[in-house]
Amino acid sequence: MSSTLRNRVSVVVAAAIAGSQLAHGQPYSFIVTGACDDNVHLDGKFFVKMGNTLGGSPWYKATGAEQYVYYDPDCGGSGDGTARWVFDKDRPNMTRATDLDGDGQCEYYARFDSVVKSEPPESGTWTMNCDYKWVEKFLVFMETTSTTATSTTVTAGTTGVTTTLAATTAPKAAVAPKLLALSGACDYKSNLNGLTFELQGTTAEGEPYYKSNDMKYYIYHDADCDGSGSAPRWVLDGDRPSALAASDLDGDHKCDNFARLDDAKSPVGPATWRMYCGSQLGWQDVKLTLSEVNKTSTSAKTADSMMVLSSAAGHGSVWVAIAATIFVGTM
């Protein structure tokens, strides 16, 4: 190796959730639930073990996002810091023993002080940054059942280690559409038509759930909406679902929602929902459509529409068109 320091050695390691890593107490992958609204982007995220830090602790990365969980003995590097597990946006440096993100300060989404460095807590009270305030949130790490192959490339003569996920069996939210648009609601709930619903994460049963862009409505799957043996269904609700509950996700002990879709694997596409359409019509069968939305194409259509409107406006329309283009371009 000394004569060819730039040669790369690739090692492919196949690891299963029931493998030796579990025997040592380190989960290979998990889903997080319990984050506050400010950090809802962490809720339902699928974290996969990427390796061990210099201190021997496992570190994890969220699939499709720059979000990490790792153990830092001294996050500020001052020499007298408190050891803790952290949620961070910065990737930990495998060559550092402390202050693993190298920022010289303890800046992160959340922390859990602990002397146990071998594995993150299965559940516990974390201190989380929520709306610029540090609050205590009870987080649960749900170990997932998956088999993953990782490819690790080590470059001799450097300190860099690159680890790439080769294949993984991820939870349903990992393959669920990120954005949905609703249409077809009855007149009584016509305010729903045109709303977009953004993927927020997964519930305890691993199903995706969505929140509307006006922050008033949620779409989620409830295995038992009143906790008394009701049939499983997708619901359109005004209450945020719990990411921890297995049933009655809005905690009202009744099946109180705006619309429901029984016995369906997914809410996506056209389907006949049972919707409440006012006191006169009551509950009606309504064909709702939840269509997958591409953000890029939506922005482009918005720009086109604004330019057409500006042309119709006559004098000064060129400046309106330019403004519309700049606005959409910076979205």
C-alpha atoms as a PDB file:
ATOM      1  CA  MET A   1       0.000   0.000   0.000  1.00  0.00           C
ATOM      2  CA  SER A   2       2.917   2.383   0.666  1.00  0.00           C
ATOM      3  CA  SER A   3       3.896   2.476  -3.020  1.00  0.00           C
ATOM      4  CA  THR A   4       0.363   3.289  -4.137  1.00  0.00           C
ATOM      5  CA  LEU A   5      -1.031   5.587  -1.464  1.00  0.00           C
ATOM      6  CA  ARG A   6      -3.867   6.700  -3.677  1.00  0.00           C
ATOM      7  CA  ASN A   7      -5.184   3.225  -4.350  1.00  0.00           C
ATOM      8  CA  ARG A   8      -8.612   2.676  -2.979  1.00  0.00           C
ATOM      9  CA  VAL A   9      -9.739  -0.376  -1.085  1.00  0.00           C
ATOM     10  CA  SER A  10     -13.453  -1.076  -1.282  1.00  0.00           C
ATOM     11  CA  VAL A  11     -15.097  -3.247   1.287  1.00  0.00           C
ATOM     12  CA  VAL A  12     -18.727  -4.283   0.975  1.00  0.00           C
ATOM     13  CA  VAL A  13     -20.326  -5.408   4.198  1.00  0.00           C
ATOM     14  CA  ALA A  14     -23.803  -6.938   4.335  1.00  0.00           C
ATOM     15  CA  ALA A  15     -25.550  -6.460   7.668  1.00  0.00           C
ATOM     16  CA  ALA A  16     -29.000  -7.522   8.837  1.00  0.00           C
ATOM     17  CA  ILE A  17     -31.002  -6.248  11.745  1.00  0.00           C
ATOM     18  CA  ALA A  18     -30.733  -9.663  13.385  1.00  0.00           C
ATOM     19  CA  GLY A  19     -26.989  -9.735  12.898  1.00  0.00           C
ATOM     20  CA  SER A  20     -24.029  -9.317  15.192  1.00  0.00           C
ATOM     21  CA  GLN A  21     -24.535  -5.571  15.666  1.00  0.00           C
ATOM     22  CA  LEU A  22     -27.785  -6.220  17.475  1.00  0.00           C
ATOM     23  CA  ALA A  23     -26.067  -8.805  19.617  1.00  0.00           C
ATOM     24  CA  HIS A  24     -23.798  -5.993  20.822  1.00  0.00           C
ATOM     25  CA  GLY A  25     -26.814  -3.797  21.595  1.00  0.00           C
ATOM     26  CA  GLN A  26     -26.464  -1.414  18.657  1.00  0.00           C
ATOM     27  CA  PRO A  27     -29.601  -1.035  16.493  1.00  0.00           C
ATOM     28  CA  TYR A  28     -28.803  -1.060  12.796  1.00  0.00           C
ATOM     29  CA  SER A  29     -31.674   1.241  11.879  1.00  0.00           C
ATOM     30  CA  PHE A  30     -34.541   3.008  13.599  1.00  0.00           C
ATOM     31  CA  ILE A  31     -37.384   5.493  13.169  1.00  0.00           C
ATOM     32  CA  VAL A  32     -37.689   8.520  15.459  1.00  0.00           C
ATOM     33  CA  THR A  33     -40.986   9.777  16.886  1.00  0.00           C
ATOM     34  CA  GLY A  34     -41.951  12.476  19.369  1.00  0.00           C
ATOM     35  CA  ALA A  35     -40.268  15.621  17.988  1.00  0.00           C
ATOM     36  CA  CYS A  36     -41.872  19.040  18.451  1.00  0.00           C
ATOM     37  CA  ASP A  37     -43.478  20.914  15.536  1.00  0.00           C
ATOM     38  CA  ASP A  38     -40.309  22.929  14.954  1.00  0.00           C
ATOM     39  CA  ASN A  39     -38.392  19.689  14.363  1.00  0.00           C
ATOM     40  CA  VAL A  40     -41.158  17.673  12.746  1.00  0.00           C
ATOM     41  CA  HIS A  41     -38.696  16.961   9.918  1.00  0.00           C
ATOM     42  CA  LEU A  42     -37.079  14.467  12.323  1.00  0.00           C
ATOM     43  CA  ASP A  43     -40.351  12.712  13.128  1.00  0.00           C
ATOM     44  CA  GLY A  44     -40.729   9.476  11.211  1.00  0.00           C
ATOM     45  CA  LYS A  45     -37.259   9.731   9.696  1.00  0.00           C
ATOM     46  CA  PHE A  46     -35.465   6.454   8.916  1.00  0.00           C
ATOM     47  CA  PHE A  47     -31.932   6.467  10.381  1.00  0.00           C
ATOM     48  CA  VAL A  48     -29.373   3.874   9.315  1.00  0.00           C
ATOM     49  CA  LYS A  49     -26.092   3.021  11.031  1.00  0.00           C
ATOM     50  CA  MET A  50     -23.150   4.212   8.967  1.00  0.00           C
ATOM     51  CA  GLY A  51     -20.274   3.039  11.152  1.00  0.00           C
ATOM     52  CA  ASN A  52     -18.492   3.854  14.411  1.00  0.00           C
ATOM     53  CA  THR A  53     -16.842   7.079  15.523  1.00  0.00           C
ATOM     54  CA  LEU A  54     -13.253   7.318  16.745  1.00  0.00           C
ATOM     55  CA  GLY A  55     -14.538   6.659  20.264  1.00  0.00           C
ATOM     56  CA  GLY A  56     -16.267   3.450  19.148  1.00  0.00           C
ATOM     57  CA  SER A  57     -19.856   4.696  19.270  1.00  0.00           C
ATOM     58  CA  PRO A  58     -22.284   4.033  16.397  1.00  0.00           C
ATOM     59  CA  TRP A  59     -23.412   6.956  14.264  1.00  0.00           C
ATOM     60  CA  TYR A  60     -26.501   7.182  12.099  1.00  0.00           C
ATOM     61  CA  LYS A  61     -27.694   9.110   9.056  1.00  0.00           C
ATOM     62  CA  ALA A  62     -31.257   9.821   7.928  1.00  0.00           C
ATOM     63  CA  THR A  63     -32.071   8.454   4.488  1.00  0.00           C
ATOM     64  CA  GLY A  64     -32.373  11.255   1.950  1.00  0.00           C
ATOM     65  CA  ALA A  65     -31.397  14.028   4.377  1.00  0.00           C
ATOM     66  CA  GLU A  66     -28.347  15.576   6.048  1.00  0.00           C
ATOM     67  CA  GLN A  67     -29.438  14.677   9.589  1.00  0.00           C
ATOM     68  CA  TYR A  68     -27.319  12.652  11.982  1.00  0.00           C
ATOM     69  CA  VAL A  69     -27.414  10.966  15.384  1.00  0.00           C
ATOM     70  CA  TYR A  70     -24.098  10.394  17.148  1.00  0.00           C
ATOM     71  CA  TYR A  71     -22.359  10.383  20.520  1.00  0.00           C
ATOM     72  CA  ASP A  72     -20.077  13.299  21.426  1.00  0.00           C
ATOM     73  CA  PRO A  73     -18.032  13.116  24.666  1.00  0.00           C
ATOM     74  CA  ASP A  74     -17.489  16.894  24.615  1.00  0.00           C
ATOM     75  CA  CYS A  75     -19.460  18.753  21.938  1.00  0.00           C
ATOM     76  CA  GLY A  76     -17.708  22.087  22.532  1.00  0.00           C
ATOM     77  CA  GLY A  77     -14.205  20.630  22.676  1.00  0.00           C
ATOM     78  CA  SER A  78     -13.459  22.566  25.871  1.00  0.00           C
ATOM     79  CA  GLY A  79     -12.267  19.534  27.824  1.00  0.00           C
ATOM     80  CA  ASP A  80     -14.949  19.789  30.502  1.00  0.00           C
ATOM     81  CA  GLY A  81     -18.128  19.202  28.487  1.00  0.00           C
ATOM     82  CA  THR A  82     -20.934  16.749  29.233  1.00  0.00           C
ATOM     83  CA  ALA A  83     -21.045  13.567  27.143  1.00  0.00           C
ATOM     84  CA  ARG A  84     -24.258  13.264  25.153  1.00  0.00           C
ATOM     85  CA  TRP A  85     -26.094  11.847  22.168  1.00  0.00           C
ATOM     86  CA  VAL A  86     -27.064  14.544  19.685  1.00  0.00           C
ATOM     87  CA  PHE A  87     -29.284  15.117  16.660  1.00  0.00           C
ATOM     88  CA  ASP A  88     -27.270  17.290  14.303  1.00  0.00           C
ATOM     89  CA  LYS A  89     -27.348  18.675  10.763  1.00  0.00           C
ATOM     90  CA  ASP A  90     -23.578  18.255  10.473  1.00  0.00           C
ATOM     91  CA  ARG A  91     -21.895  14.953   9.687  1.00  0.00           C
ATOM     92  CA  PRO A  92     -19.575  13.769  12.494  1.00  0.00           C
ATOM     93  CA  ASN A  93     -15.855  13.671  11.713  1.00  0.00           C
ATOM     94  CA  MET A  94     -14.415  10.167  12.145  1.00  0.00           C
ATOM     95  CA  THR A  95     -10.971  11.537  13.034  1.00  0.00           C
ATOM     96  CA  ARG A  96     -12.102  13.650  16.001  1.00  0.00           C
ATOM     97  CA  ALA A  97     -12.463  12.386  19.580  1.00  0.00           C
ATOM     98  CA  THR A  98     -14.546  15.400  20.728  1.00  0.00           C
ATOM     99  CA  ASP A  99     -16.522  18.198  19.093  1.00  0.00           C
ATOM    100  CA  LEU A 100     -17.239  15.795  16.269  1.00  0.00           C
ATOM    101  CA  ASP A 101     -18.807  18.394  13.984  1.00  0.00           C
ATOM    102  CA  GLY A 102     -15.833  20.730  14.480  1.00  0.00           C
ATOM    103  CA  ASP A 103     -17.850  23.889  15.102  1.00  0.00           C
ATOM    104  CA  GLY A 104     -16.325  24.629  18.507  1.00  0.00           C
ATOM    105  CA  GLN A 105     -19.733  24.843  20.129  1.00  0.00           C
ATOM    106  CA  CYS A 106     -22.669  22.688  21.179  1.00  0.00           C
ATOM    107  CA  GLU A 107     -25.116  23.500  18.405  1.00  0.00           C
ATOM    108  CA  TYR A 108     -27.654  20.843  17.368  1.00  0.00           C
ATOM    109  CA  TYR A 109     -31.358  19.951  17.147  1.00  0.00           C
ATOM    110  CA  ALA A 110     -31.495  17.970  20.388  1.00  0.00           C
ATOM    111  CA  ARG A 111     -29.326  16.302  23.041  1.00  0.00           C
ATOM    112  CA  PHE A 112     -29.542  13.446  25.513  1.00  0.00           C
ATOM    113  CA  ASP A 113     -26.894  13.525  28.251  1.00  0.00           C
ATOM    114  CA  SER A 114     -25.546  10.028  28.875  1.00  0.00           C
ATOM    115  CA  VAL A 115     -22.492   8.084  29.977  1.00  0.00           C
ATOM    116  CA  VAL A 116     -23.638   5.161  27.819  1.00  0.00           C
ATOM    117  CA  LYS A 117     -21.828   5.526  24.512  1.00  0.00           C
ATOM    118  CA  SER A 118     -22.527   2.088  23.036  1.00  0.00           C
ATOM    119  CA  GLU A 119     -26.035   2.863  21.759  1.00  0.00           C
ATOM    120  CA  PRO A 120     -28.605   5.670  21.743  1.00  0.00           C
ATOM    121  CA  PRO A 121     -31.514   5.370  24.185  1.00  0.00           C
ATOM    122  CA  GLU A 122     -34.548   3.399  22.977  1.00  0.00           C
ATOM    123  CA  SER A 123     -36.684   6.102  24.580  1.00  0.00           C
ATOM    124  CA  GLY A 124     -36.137   9.017  26.916  1.00  0.00           C
ATOM    125  CA  THR A 125     -36.473  12.728  27.532  1.00  0.00           C
ATOM    126  CA  TRP A 126     -34.302  14.749  25.172  1.00  0.00           C
ATOM    127  CA  THR A 127     -33.630  18.486  25.379  1.00  0.00           C
ATOM    128  CA  MET A 128     -34.769  19.870  22.014  1.00  0.00           C
ATOM    129  CA  ASN A 129     -34.582  23.278  20.373  1.00  0.00           C
ATOM    130  CA  CYS A 130     -38.225  24.178  19.707  1.00  0.00           C
ATOM    131  CA  ASP A 131     -39.008  27.681  18.449  1.00  0.00           C
ATOM    132  CA  TYR A 132     -35.696  28.995  19.843  1.00  0.00           C
ATOM    133  CA  LYS A 133     -36.392  27.537  23.284  1.00  0.00           C
ATOM    134  CA  TRP A 134     -34.889  24.428  24.850  1.00  0.00           C
ATOM    135  CA  VAL A 135     -37.727  22.146  25.919  1.00  0.00           C
ATOM    136  CA  GLU A 136     -37.928  18.543  27.089  1.00  0.00           C
ATOM    137  CA  LYS A 137     -39.430  16.115  24.566  1.00  0.00           C
ATOM    138  CA  PHE A 138     -39.922  12.392  25.037  1.00  0.00           C
ATOM    139  CA  LEU A 139     -38.471  10.682  21.958  1.00  0.00           C
ATOM    140  CA  VAL A 140     -38.819   7.057  20.965  1.00  0.00           C
ATOM    141  CA  PHE A 141     -36.368   5.219  18.709  1.00  0.00           C
ATOM    142  CA  MET A 142     -38.295   2.375  17.064  1.00  0.00           C
ATOM    143  CA  GLU A 143     -35.911  -0.256  15.786  1.00  0.00           C
ATOM    144  CA  THR A 144     -36.817  -1.307  12.245  1.00  0.00           C
ATOM    145  CA  THR A 145     -36.651  -4.636  10.494  1.00  0.00           C
ATOM    146  CA  SER A 146     -34.496  -4.250   7.402  1.00  0.00           C
ATOM    147  CA  THR A 147     -31.499  -5.666   5.636  1.00  0.00           C
ATOM    148  CA  THR A 148     -28.992  -3.189   4.301  1.00  0.00           C
ATOM    149  CA  ALA A 149     -25.787  -3.468   2.338  1.00  0.00           C
ATOM    150  CA  THR A 150     -23.297  -0.648   2.722  1.00  0.00           C
ATOM    151  CA  SER A 151     -20.292   0.061   0.569  1.00  0.00           C
ATOM    152  CA  THR A 152     -17.340   1.653   2.342  1.00  0.00           C
ATOM    153  CA  THR A 153     -14.459   3.161   0.366  1.00  0.00           C
ATOM    154  CA  VAL A 154     -11.237   3.910   2.227  1.00  0.00           C
ATOM    155  CA  THR A 155      -8.606   6.044   0.504  1.00  0.00           C
ATOM    156  CA  ALA A 156      -5.098   5.252   1.709  1.00  0.00           C
ATOM    157  CA  GLY A 157      -3.042   8.231   2.828  1.00  0.00           C
ATOM    158  CA  THR A 158      -6.109  10.353   3.611  1.00  0.00           C
ATOM    159  CA  THR A 159      -8.443  10.716   6.548  1.00  0.00           C
ATOM    160  CA  GLY A 160     -11.570  10.415   4.410  1.00  0.00           C
ATOM    161  CA  VAL A 161     -13.988   7.540   4.699  1.00  0.00           C
ATOM    162  CA  THR A 162     -16.968   7.482   2.369  1.00  0.00           C
ATOM    163  CA  THR A 163     -19.887   5.206   3.185  1.00  0.00           C
ATOM    164  CA  THR A 164     -22.724   4.774   0.709  1.00  0.00           C
ATOM    165  CA  LEU A 165     -25.996   2.929   1.168  1.00  0.00           C
ATOM    166  CA  ALA A 166     -26.182   0.301  -1.552  1.00  0.00           C
ATOM    167  CA  ALA A 167     -29.654  -1.000  -0.791  1.00  0.00           C
ATOM    168  CA  THR A 168     -32.149  -0.760   1.992  1.00  0.00           C
ATOM    169  CA  THR A 169     -35.630  -1.796   2.908  1.00  0.00           C
ATOM    170  CA  ALA A 170     -37.018   1.492   4.179  1.00  0.00           C
ATOM    171  CA  PRO A 171     -40.346   2.271   5.843  1.00  0.00           C
ATOM    172  CA  LYS A 172     -43.367   3.227   3.762  1.00  0.00           C
ATOM    173  CA  ALA A 173     -42.782   6.969   4.143  1.00  0.00           C
ATOM    174  CA  ALA A 174     -39.455   6.621   2.346  1.00  0.00           C
ATOM    175  CA  VAL A 175     -41.308   5.741  -0.880  1.00  0.00           C
ATOM    176  CA  ALA A 176     -44.511   7.730  -0.243  1.00  0.00           C
ATOM    177  CA  PRO A 177     -45.173  10.856  -2.361  1.00  0.00           C
ATOM    178  CA  LYS A 178     -43.764  13.960  -0.707  1.00  0.00           C
ATOM    179  CA  LEU A 179     -46.579  16.292  -1.779  1.00  0.00           C
ATOM    180  CA  LEU A 180     -50.258  15.674  -2.587  1.00  0.00           C
ATOM    181  CA  ALA A 181     -52.981  17.955  -3.976  1.00  0.00           C
ATOM    182  CA  LEU A 182     -56.641  17.394  -3.055  1.00  0.00           C
ATOM    183  CA  SER A 183     -59.632  17.860  -5.346  1.00  0.00           C
ATOM    184  CA  GLY A 184     -63.245  16.689  -5.525  1.00  0.00           C
ATOM    185  CA  ALA A 185     -64.551  17.753  -2.093  1.00  0.00           C
ATOM    186  CA  CYS A 186     -68.276  18.495  -1.781  1.00  0.00           C
ATOM    187  CA  ASP A 187     -69.501  22.105  -1.604  1.00  0.00           C
ATOM    188  CA  TYR A 188     -69.624  22.107   2.181  1.00  0.00           C
ATOM    189  CA  LYS A 189     -65.866  21.449   2.337  1.00  0.00           C
ATOM    190  CA  SER A 190     -64.903  23.156  -0.923  1.00  0.00           C
ATOM    191  CA  ASN A 191     -62.160  25.008   0.971  1.00  0.00           C
ATOM    192  CA  LEU A 192     -60.209  21.731   0.822  1.00  0.00           C
ATOM    193  CA  ASN A 193     -60.045  21.762  -2.981  1.00  0.00           C
ATOM    194  CA  GLY A 194     -56.639  22.874  -4.180  1.00  0.00           C
ATOM    195  CA  LEU A 195     -54.904  22.389  -0.844  1.00  0.00           C
ATOM    196  CA  THR A 196     -51.544  20.657  -0.921  1.00  0.00           C
ATOM    197  CA  PHE A 197     -50.528  18.175   1.755  1.00  0.00           C
ATOM    198  CA  GLU A 198     -46.854  17.671   2.593  1.00  0.00           C
ATOM    199  CA  LEU A 199     -45.381  14.462   3.971  1.00  0.00           C
ATOM    200  CA  GLN A 200     -44.463  14.906   7.654  1.00  0.00           C
ATOM    201  CA  GLY A 201     -43.161  11.465   8.586  1.00  0.00           C
ATOM    202  CA  THR A 202     -44.578   8.134   9.722  1.00  0.00           C
ATOM    203  CA  THR A 203     -46.935   7.041  12.458  1.00  0.00           C
ATOM    204  CA  ALA A 204     -46.170   4.240  14.917  1.00  0.00           C
ATOM    205  CA  GLU A 205     -47.471   1.648  12.438  1.00  0.00           C
ATOM    206  CA  GLY A 206     -45.120   2.964   9.761  1.00  0.00           C
ATOM    207  CA  GLU A 207     -47.719   4.690   7.594  1.00  0.00           C
ATOM    208  CA  PRO A 208     -47.018   8.151   6.120  1.00  0.00           C
ATOM    209  CA  TYR A 209     -48.972  11.144   7.339  1.00  0.00           C
ATOM    210  CA  TYR A 210     -49.474  14.553   5.741  1.00  0.00           C
ATOM    211  CA  LYS A 211     -50.212  18.129   6.806  1.00  0.00           C
ATOM    212  CA  SER A 212     -51.966  20.723   4.630  1.00  0.00           C
ATOM    213  CA  ASN A 213     -50.191  23.877   3.534  1.00  0.00           C
ATOM    214  CA  ASP A 214     -52.681  25.986   5.529  1.00  0.00           C
ATOM    215  CA  MET A 215     -51.710  24.014   8.667  1.00  0.00           C
ATOM    216  CA  LYS A 216     -55.341  23.084   9.422  1.00  0.00           C
ATOM    217  CA  TYR A 217     -55.752  19.540   8.115  1.00  0.00           C
ATOM    218  CA  TYR A 218     -54.017  16.168   8.306  1.00  0.00           C
ATOM    219  CA  ILE A 219     -54.286  12.940   6.339  1.00  0.00           C
ATOM    220  CA  TYR A 220     -53.206   9.767   8.104  1.00  0.00           C
ATOM    221  CA  HIS A 221     -54.023   6.098   8.613  1.00  0.00           C
ATOM    222  CA  ASP A 222     -55.697   5.003  11.835  1.00  0.00           C
ATOM    223  CA  ALA A 223     -55.904   1.289  12.600  1.00  0.00           C
ATOM    224  CA  ASP A 224     -58.700   1.904  15.137  1.00  0.00           C
ATOM    225  CA  CYS A 225     -59.927   5.508  15.232  1.00  0.00           C
ATOM    226  CA  ASP A 226     -61.823   5.275  18.553  1.00  0.00           C
ATOM    227  CA  GLY A 227     -59.667   2.640  20.235  1.00  0.00           C
ATOM    228  CA  SER A 228     -62.667   0.291  20.504  1.00  0.00           C
ATOM    229  CA  GLY A 229     -62.162  -1.996  17.542  1.00  0.00           C
ATOM    230  CA  SER A 230     -63.194   0.229  14.619  1.00  0.00           C
ATOM    231  CA  ALA A 231     -62.158  -0.748  11.115  1.00  0.00           C
ATOM    232  CA  PRO A 232     -58.819   0.648   9.846  1.00  0.00           C
ATOM    233  CA  ARG A 233     -59.111   3.676   7.591  1.00  0.00           C
ATOM    234  CA  TRP A 234     -57.420   6.717   6.132  1.00  0.00           C
ATOM    235  CA  VAL A 235     -58.852   9.904   7.598  1.00  0.00           C
ATOM    236  CA  LEU A 236     -58.928  13.596   6.814  1.00  0.00           C
ATOM    237  CA  ASP A 237     -58.801  15.280  10.205  1.00  0.00           C
ATOM    238  CA  GLY A 238     -58.262  18.624  11.903  1.00  0.00           C
ATOM    239  CA  ASP A 239     -56.069  17.120  14.624  1.00  0.00           C
ATOM    240  CA  ARG A 240     -52.430  16.154  14.276  1.00  0.00           C
ATOM    241  CA  PRO A 241     -51.933  12.394  14.674  1.00  0.00           C
ATOM    242  CA  SER A 242     -49.734  11.062  17.451  1.00  0.00           C
ATOM    243  CA  ALA A 243     -46.549   9.459  16.165  1.00  0.00           C
ATOM    244  CA  LEU A 244     -46.525   7.175  19.222  1.00  0.00           C
ATOM    245  CA  ALA A 245     -50.096   5.851  19.434  1.00  0.00           C
ATOM    246  CA  ALA A 246     -51.017   2.590  17.711  1.00  0.00           C
ATOM    247  CA  SER A 247     -54.732   3.501  17.522  1.00  0.00           C
ATOM    248  CA  ASP A 248     -57.024   6.510  18.062  1.00  0.00           C
ATOM    249  CA  LEU A 249     -54.198   8.690  16.796  1.00  0.00           C
ATOM    250  CA  ASP A 250     -55.930  11.994  17.598  1.00  0.00           C
ATOM    251  CA  GLY A 251     -56.721  10.813  21.136  1.00  0.00           C
ATOM    252  CA  ASP A 252     -60.400  11.833  21.142  1.00  0.00           C
ATOM    253  CA  HIS A 253     -61.720   8.286  21.778  1.00  0.00           C
ATOM    254  CA  LYS A 254     -64.123   8.611  18.851  1.00  0.00           C
ATOM    255  CA  CYS A 255     -64.044   8.526  15.071  1.00  0.00           C
ATOM    256  CA  ASP A 256     -64.536  12.251  14.547  1.00  0.00           C
ATOM    257  CA  ASN A 257     -63.139  13.455  11.222  1.00  0.00           C
ATOM    258  CA  PHE A 258     -64.099  15.253   8.020  1.00  0.00           C
ATOM    259  CA  ALA A 259     -63.712  12.273   5.682  1.00  0.00           C
ATOM    260  CA  ARG A 260     -62.556   8.662   5.689  1.00  0.00           C
ATOM    261  CA  LEU A 261     -61.371   6.048   3.223  1.00  0.00           C
ATOM    262  CA  ASP A 262     -61.907   2.487   4.395  1.00  0.00           C
ATOM    263  CA  ASP A 263     -59.857  -0.556   3.470  1.00  0.00           C
ATOM    264  CA  ALA A 264     -57.225   1.078   1.255  1.00  0.00           C
ATOM    265  CA  LYS A 265     -53.466   0.577   1.105  1.00  0.00           C
ATOM    266  CA  SER A 266     -52.817   4.182   0.167  1.00  0.00           C
ATOM    267  CA  PRO A 267     -54.780   7.452   0.004  1.00  0.00           C
ATOM    268  CA  VAL A 268     -53.102   8.454  -3.257  1.00  0.00           C
ATOM    269  CA  GLY A 269     -55.198   8.654  -6.414  1.00  0.00           C
ATOM    270  CA  PRO A 270     -58.944   8.868  -7.058  1.00  0.00           C
ATOM    271  CA  ALA A 271     -61.082   6.990  -4.532  1.00  0.00           C
ATOM    272  CA  THR A 272     -64.542   7.098  -3.014  1.00  0.00           C
ATOM    273  CA  TRP A 273     -64.291   8.669   0.431  1.00  0.00           C
ATOM    274  CA  ARG A 274     -67.093   9.019   2.962  1.00  0.00           C
ATOM    275  CA  MET A 275     -67.274  12.775   3.608  1.00  0.00           C
ATOM    276  CA  TYR A 276     -69.428  14.941   5.851  1.00  0.00           C
ATOM    277  CA  CYS A 277     -71.180  17.457   3.565  1.00  0.00           C
ATOM    278  CA  GLY A 278     -73.190  19.573   6.003  1.00  0.00           C
ATOM    279  CA  SER A 279     -76.307  19.099   8.120  1.00  0.00           C
ATOM    280  CA  GLN A 280     -78.640  18.801   5.142  1.00  0.00           C
ATOM    281  CA  LEU A 281     -76.717  16.199   3.133  1.00  0.00           C
ATOM    282  CA  GLY A 282     -74.907  14.521   6.014  1.00  0.00           C
ATOM    283  CA  TRP A 283     -72.370  11.847   5.129  1.00  0.00           C
ATOM    284  CA  GLN A 284     -71.964  11.300   1.391  1.00  0.00           C
ATOM    285  CA  ASP A 285     -69.870   9.129  -0.902  1.00  0.00           C
ATOM    286  CA  VAL A 286     -67.540  11.596  -2.611  1.00  0.00           C
ATOM    287  CA  LYS A 287     -64.880  10.879  -5.203  1.00  0.00           C
ATOM    288  CA  LEU A 288     -61.787  12.619  -3.849  1.00  0.00           C
ATOM    289  CA  THR A 289     -58.493  12.662  -5.713  1.00  0.00           C
ATOM    290  CA  LEU A 290     -55.135  13.034  -4.014  1.00  0.00           C
ATOM    291  CA  SER A 291     -52.636  13.644  -6.788  1.00  0.00           C
ATOM    292  CA  GLU A 292     -48.873  13.564  -6.429  1.00  0.00           C
ATOM    293  CA  VAL A 293     -47.412  17.035  -6.989  1.00  0.00           C
ATOM    294  CA  ASN A 294     -44.009  17.858  -8.411  1.00  0.00           C
ATOM    295  CA  LYS A 295     -42.769  21.064  -6.747  1.00  0.00           C
ATOM    296  CA  THR A 296     -40.668  22.045  -9.754  1.00  0.00           C
ATOM    297  CA  SER A 297     -43.518  21.735 -12.220  1.00  0.00           C
ATOM    298  CA  THR A 298     -45.843  23.562  -9.818  1.00  0.00           C
ATOM    299  CA  SER A 299     -43.431  26.505  -9.637  1.00  0.00           C
ATOM    300  CA  ALA A 300     -43.132  26.578 -13.419  1.00  0.00           C
ATOM    301  CA  LYS A 301     -46.933  26.578 -13.833  1.00  0.00           C
ATOM    302  CA  THR A 302     -47.233  29.363 -11.266  1.00  0.00           C
ATOM    303  CA  ALA A 303     -44.749  31.457 -13.231  1.00  0.00           C
ATOM    304  CA  ASP A 304     -46.638  30.846 -16.497  1.00  0.00           C
ATOM    305  CA  SER A 305     -49.957  31.791 -14.888  1.00  0.00           C
ATOM    306  CA  MET A 306     -48.560  35.003 -13.421  1.00  0.00           C
ATOM    307  CA  MET A 307     -47.116  36.040 -16.786  1.00  0.00           C
ATOM    308  CA  VAL A 308     -50.444  35.423 -18.566  1.00  0.00           C
ATOM    309  CA  LEU A 309     -52.232  37.563 -15.968  1.00  0.00           C
ATOM    310  CA  SER A 310     -49.650  40.307 -16.306  1.00  0.00           C
ATOM    311  CA  SER A 311     -50.063  40.361 -20.107  1.00  0.00           C
ATOM    312  CA  ALA A 312     -53.798  40.811 -19.708  1.00  0.00           C
ATOM    313  CA  ALA A 313     -53.199  43.710 -17.326  1.00  0.00           C
ATOM    314  CA  GLY A 314     -51.850  45.892 -20.147  1.00  0.00           C
ATOM    315  CA  HIS A 315     -49.605  48.813 -19.194  1.00  0.00           C
ATOM    316  CA  GLY A 316     -46.682  47.801 -17.010  1.00  0.00           C
ATOM    317  CA  SER A 317     -47.237  44.093 -17.612  1.00  0.00           C
ATOM    318  CA  VAL A 318     -43.591  43.528 -18.556  1.00  0.00           C
ATOM    319  CA  TRP A 319     -42.474  44.576 -15.095  1.00  0.00           C
ATOM    320  CA  VAL A 320     -45.051  42.279 -13.460  1.00  0.00           C
ATOM    321  CA  ALA A 321     -43.809  39.368 -15.580  1.00  0.00           C
ATOM    322  CA  ILE A 322     -40.217  40.048 -14.585  1.00  0.00           C
ATOM    323  CA  ALA A 323     -41.187  40.245 -10.925  1.00  0.00           C
ATOM    324  CA  ALA A 324     -43.102  36.961 -11.209  1.00  0.00           C
ATOM    325  CA  THR A 325     -40.091  35.255 -12.770  1.00  0.00           C
ATOM    326  CA  ILE A 326     -37.749  36.497 -10.030  1.00  0.00           C
ATOM    327  CA  PHE A 327     -40.181  35.431  -7.309  1.00  0.00           C
ATOM    328  CA  VAL A 328     -40.623  31.909  -8.609  1.00  0.00           C
ATOM    329  CA  GLY A 329     -36.925  31.571  -9.330  1.00  0.00           C
ATOM    330  CA  THR A 330     -36.087  32.175  -5.689  1.00  0.00           C
ATOM    331  CA  MET A 331     -38.602  29.740  -4.225  1.00  0.00           C
END
